[in-house]
Amino acid sequence: MPFAHPTHPYTRSLLSAIPLPDPESEKGRVRIRYNPETDHEKTSETPVLREIVRGHFVRCTEKEFENYRKAYV
């Protein structure tokens, strides 16, 4: 399942925007907002595509990569 473990903040925000078919569960549902200014490390390093686990790639800096790896395990 390709969306079982969304890691990148943008992907997580997109998936949280998908409506659920149950109106009761939608009432209190919190959407994840993506803000590139606050969701990414402030470095001069250019993000590159890195493999978090086999077959799961994320464009990120080295610091973000470390955090994503920790969150994934």
N, C-alpha and C. Protein backbone atom coordinates (compact mmCIF):
# COMPACT_ATOMS: atom_id res chain seq x y z
N MET A 1 0.85 -1.17 0.00
CA MET A 1 0.00 0.00 0.00
C MET A 1 0.90 1.24 0.00
N PRO A 2 0.87 2.03 -1.05
CA PRO A 2 1.80 3.14 -1.19
C PRO A 2 1.58 4.29 -0.21
N PHE A 3 0.41 4.41 0.36
CA PHE A 3 0.14 5.53 1.27
C PHE A 3 0.00 5.10 2.72
N ALA A 4 0.55 3.93 3.05
CA ALA A 4 0.41 3.40 4.40
C ALA A 4 1.20 4.20 5.42
N HIS A 5 2.34 4.77 5.01
CA HIS A 5 3.20 5.51 5.94
C HIS A 5 3.62 6.84 5.32
N PRO A 6 2.70 7.80 5.20
CA PRO A 6 3.11 9.08 4.62
C PRO A 6 4.12 9.77 5.53
N THR A 7 5.21 10.22 4.95
CA THR A 7 6.30 10.80 5.73
C THR A 7 6.43 12.29 5.50
N HIS A 8 6.42 12.71 4.26
CA HIS A 8 6.62 14.12 3.94
C HIS A 8 5.39 14.93 4.38
N PRO A 9 5.60 16.12 4.97
CA PRO A 9 4.48 16.93 5.46
C PRO A 9 3.45 17.26 4.38
N TYR A 10 3.89 17.48 3.14
CA TYR A 10 2.95 17.79 2.07
C TYR A 10 2.05 16.60 1.77
N THR A 11 2.63 15.41 1.72
CA THR A 11 1.85 14.19 1.47
C THR A 11 0.83 13.97 2.58
N ARG A 12 1.27 14.15 3.82
CA ARG A 12 0.35 13.99 4.95
C ARG A 12 -0.81 14.98 4.87
N SER A 13 -0.53 16.22 4.47
CA SER A 13 -1.61 17.21 4.37
C SER A 13 -2.58 16.85 3.24
N LEU A 14 -2.05 16.36 2.13
CA LEU A 14 -2.93 15.95 1.03
C LEU A 14 -3.84 14.80 1.44
N LEU A 15 -3.28 13.81 2.11
CA LEU A 15 -4.09 12.67 2.53
C LEU A 15 -5.12 13.04 3.59
N SER A 16 -4.81 14.03 4.42
CA SER A 16 -5.78 14.44 5.44
C SER A 16 -6.96 15.20 4.84
N ALA A 17 -6.80 15.67 3.60
CA ALA A 17 -7.87 16.42 2.94
C ALA A 17 -8.91 15.51 2.28
N ILE A 18 -8.63 14.23 2.18
CA ILE A 18 -9.57 13.29 1.56
C ILE A 18 -10.75 13.09 2.51
N PRO A 19 -11.96 13.42 2.05
CA PRO A 19 -13.13 13.27 2.93
C PRO A 19 -13.45 11.80 3.21
N LEU A 20 -13.94 11.56 4.40
CA LEU A 20 -14.38 10.21 4.78
C LEU A 20 -15.87 10.10 4.50
N PRO A 21 -16.37 8.91 4.17
CA PRO A 21 -17.78 8.75 3.82
C PRO A 21 -18.73 8.85 5.03
N ASP A 22 -18.20 8.85 6.23
CA ASP A 22 -19.04 8.92 7.43
C ASP A 22 -19.11 10.35 7.95
N PRO A 23 -20.29 11.00 7.88
CA PRO A 23 -20.42 12.38 8.34
C PRO A 23 -20.07 12.57 9.82
N GLU A 24 -20.32 11.58 10.64
CA GLU A 24 -20.01 11.69 12.07
C GLU A 24 -18.50 11.78 12.30
N SER A 25 -17.74 11.00 11.56
CA SER A 25 -16.29 11.05 11.74
C SER A 25 -15.68 12.31 11.15
N GLU A 26 -16.38 12.93 10.22
CA GLU A 26 -15.89 14.17 9.59
C GLU A 26 -16.07 15.39 10.50
N LYS A 27 -17.02 15.34 11.42
CA LYS A 27 -17.33 16.51 12.25
C LYS A 27 -16.14 17.02 13.03
N GLY A 28 -15.43 16.16 13.72
CA GLY A 28 -14.34 16.61 14.55
C GLY A 28 -12.96 16.35 13.95
N ARG A 29 -12.95 16.01 12.70
CA ARG A 29 -11.69 15.65 12.06
C ARG A 29 -10.78 16.85 11.88
N VAL A 30 -9.52 16.66 12.21
CA VAL A 30 -8.54 17.74 12.09
C VAL A 30 -7.74 17.53 10.81
N ARG A 31 -7.69 18.55 9.99
CA ARG A 31 -6.89 18.50 8.76
C ARG A 31 -5.47 18.93 9.08
N ILE A 32 -4.53 18.35 8.39
CA ILE A 32 -3.13 18.72 8.54
C ILE A 32 -2.83 19.81 7.52
N ARG A 33 -2.33 20.91 7.98
CA ARG A 33 -1.98 22.02 7.08
C ARG A 33 -0.49 21.97 6.76
N TYR A 34 -0.18 22.15 5.50
CA TYR A 34 1.21 22.16 5.06
C TYR A 34 1.68 23.60 4.93
N ASN A 35 2.76 23.92 5.62
CA ASN A 35 3.37 25.24 5.53
C ASN A 35 4.86 25.02 5.32
N PRO A 36 5.35 25.22 4.09
CA PRO A 36 6.76 24.96 3.82
C PRO A 36 7.72 25.78 4.69
N GLU A 37 7.27 26.93 5.14
CA GLU A 37 8.13 27.78 5.97
C GLU A 37 8.40 27.16 7.34
N THR A 38 7.46 26.43 7.88
CA THR A 38 7.63 25.85 9.21
C THR A 38 7.83 24.34 9.19
N ASP A 39 7.48 23.68 8.10
CA ASP A 39 7.56 22.22 8.04
C ASP A 39 8.90 21.68 7.58
N HIS A 40 9.83 22.56 7.25
CA HIS A 40 11.13 22.11 6.75
C HIS A 40 12.26 22.76 7.53
N GLU A 41 13.40 22.08 7.51
CA GLU A 41 14.60 22.59 8.16
C GLU A 41 15.08 23.84 7.43
N LYS A 42 15.55 24.81 8.19
CA LYS A 42 16.06 26.05 7.61
C LYS A 42 17.57 25.94 7.45
N THR A 43 18.00 25.38 6.34
CA THR A 43 19.42 25.26 6.07
C THR A 43 19.68 25.69 4.64
N SER A 44 20.93 25.80 4.30
CA SER A 44 21.28 26.14 2.92
C SER A 44 21.40 24.88 2.08
N GLU A 45 21.23 23.72 2.72
CA GLU A 45 21.32 22.45 2.00
C GLU A 45 20.12 22.28 1.06
N THR A 46 20.39 21.88 -0.15
CA THR A 46 19.33 21.63 -1.12
C THR A 46 18.75 20.24 -0.87
N PRO A 47 17.44 20.12 -0.74
CA PRO A 47 16.83 18.80 -0.53
C PRO A 47 17.09 17.89 -1.73
N VAL A 48 17.38 16.65 -1.45
CA VAL A 48 17.58 15.65 -2.50
C VAL A 48 16.69 14.44 -2.21
N LEU A 49 16.46 13.64 -3.23
CA LEU A 49 15.63 12.45 -3.09
C LEU A 49 16.41 11.38 -2.34
N ARG A 50 15.85 10.94 -1.22
CA ARG A 50 16.52 9.93 -0.38
C ARG A 50 15.55 8.79 -0.11
N GLU A 51 16.10 7.61 0.05
CA GLU A 51 15.29 6.43 0.33
C GLU A 51 15.17 6.24 1.83
N ILE A 52 13.97 6.44 2.38
CA ILE A 52 13.72 6.31 3.82
C ILE A 52 13.81 4.84 4.22
N VAL A 53 13.06 4.01 3.55
CA VAL A 53 13.14 2.55 3.65
C VAL A 53 13.05 2.04 2.21
N ARG A 54 13.28 0.79 2.03
CA ARG A 54 13.30 0.25 0.67
C ARG A 54 12.01 0.60 -0.09
N GLY A 55 12.17 1.31 -1.20
CA GLY A 55 11.03 1.66 -2.05
C GLY A 55 10.27 2.90 -1.63
N HIS A 56 10.67 3.56 -0.53
CA HIS A 56 9.97 4.76 -0.06
C HIS A 56 10.94 5.93 -0.09
N PHE A 57 10.72 6.84 -1.04
CA PHE A 57 11.62 7.97 -1.25
C PHE A 57 10.96 9.27 -0.83
N VAL A 58 11.79 10.19 -0.29
CA VAL A 58 11.32 11.51 0.13
C VAL A 58 12.40 12.53 -0.24
N ARG A 59 11.98 13.66 -0.78
CA ARG A 59 12.93 14.74 -1.06
C ARG A 59 13.11 15.53 0.23
N CYS A 60 14.33 15.53 0.77
CA CYS A 60 14.57 16.16 2.06
C CYS A 60 16.05 16.49 2.26
N THR A 61 16.32 17.25 3.31
CA THR A 61 17.69 17.54 3.71
C THR A 61 18.19 16.39 4.59
N GLU A 62 19.46 16.42 4.93
CA GLU A 62 20.02 15.36 5.78
C GLU A 62 19.36 15.33 7.15
N LYS A 63 19.12 16.49 7.74
CA LYS A 63 18.48 16.56 9.07
C LYS A 63 17.04 16.02 9.00
N GLU A 64 16.29 16.42 7.97
CA GLU A 64 14.93 15.90 7.80
C GLU A 64 14.96 14.39 7.59
N PHE A 65 15.94 13.92 6.82
CA PHE A 65 16.09 12.50 6.56
C PHE A 65 16.23 11.72 7.87
N GLU A 66 17.07 12.22 8.77
CA GLU A 66 17.25 11.56 10.06
C GLU A 66 15.94 11.50 10.84
N ASN A 67 15.19 12.62 10.84
CA ASN A 67 13.91 12.65 11.54
C ASN A 67 12.88 11.72 10.91
N TYR A 68 12.83 11.67 9.59
CA TYR A 68 11.88 10.79 8.90
C TYR A 68 12.21 9.32 9.18
N ARG A 69 13.50 8.99 9.19
CA ARG A 69 13.90 7.61 9.47
C ARG A 69 13.48 7.19 10.88
N LYS A 70 13.67 8.09 11.86
CA LYS A 70 13.27 7.79 13.23
C LYS A 70 11.77 7.59 13.33
N ALA A 71 11.00 8.45 12.64
CA ALA A 71 9.54 8.37 12.70
C ALA A 71 9.02 7.13 12.00
N TYR A 72 9.73 6.65 11.00
CA TYR A 72 9.26 5.52 10.21
C TYR A 72 9.41 4.20 10.96
N VAL A 73 10.43 4.09 11.79
CA VAL A 73 10.71 2.83 12.49
C VAL A 73 9.80 2.62 13.65
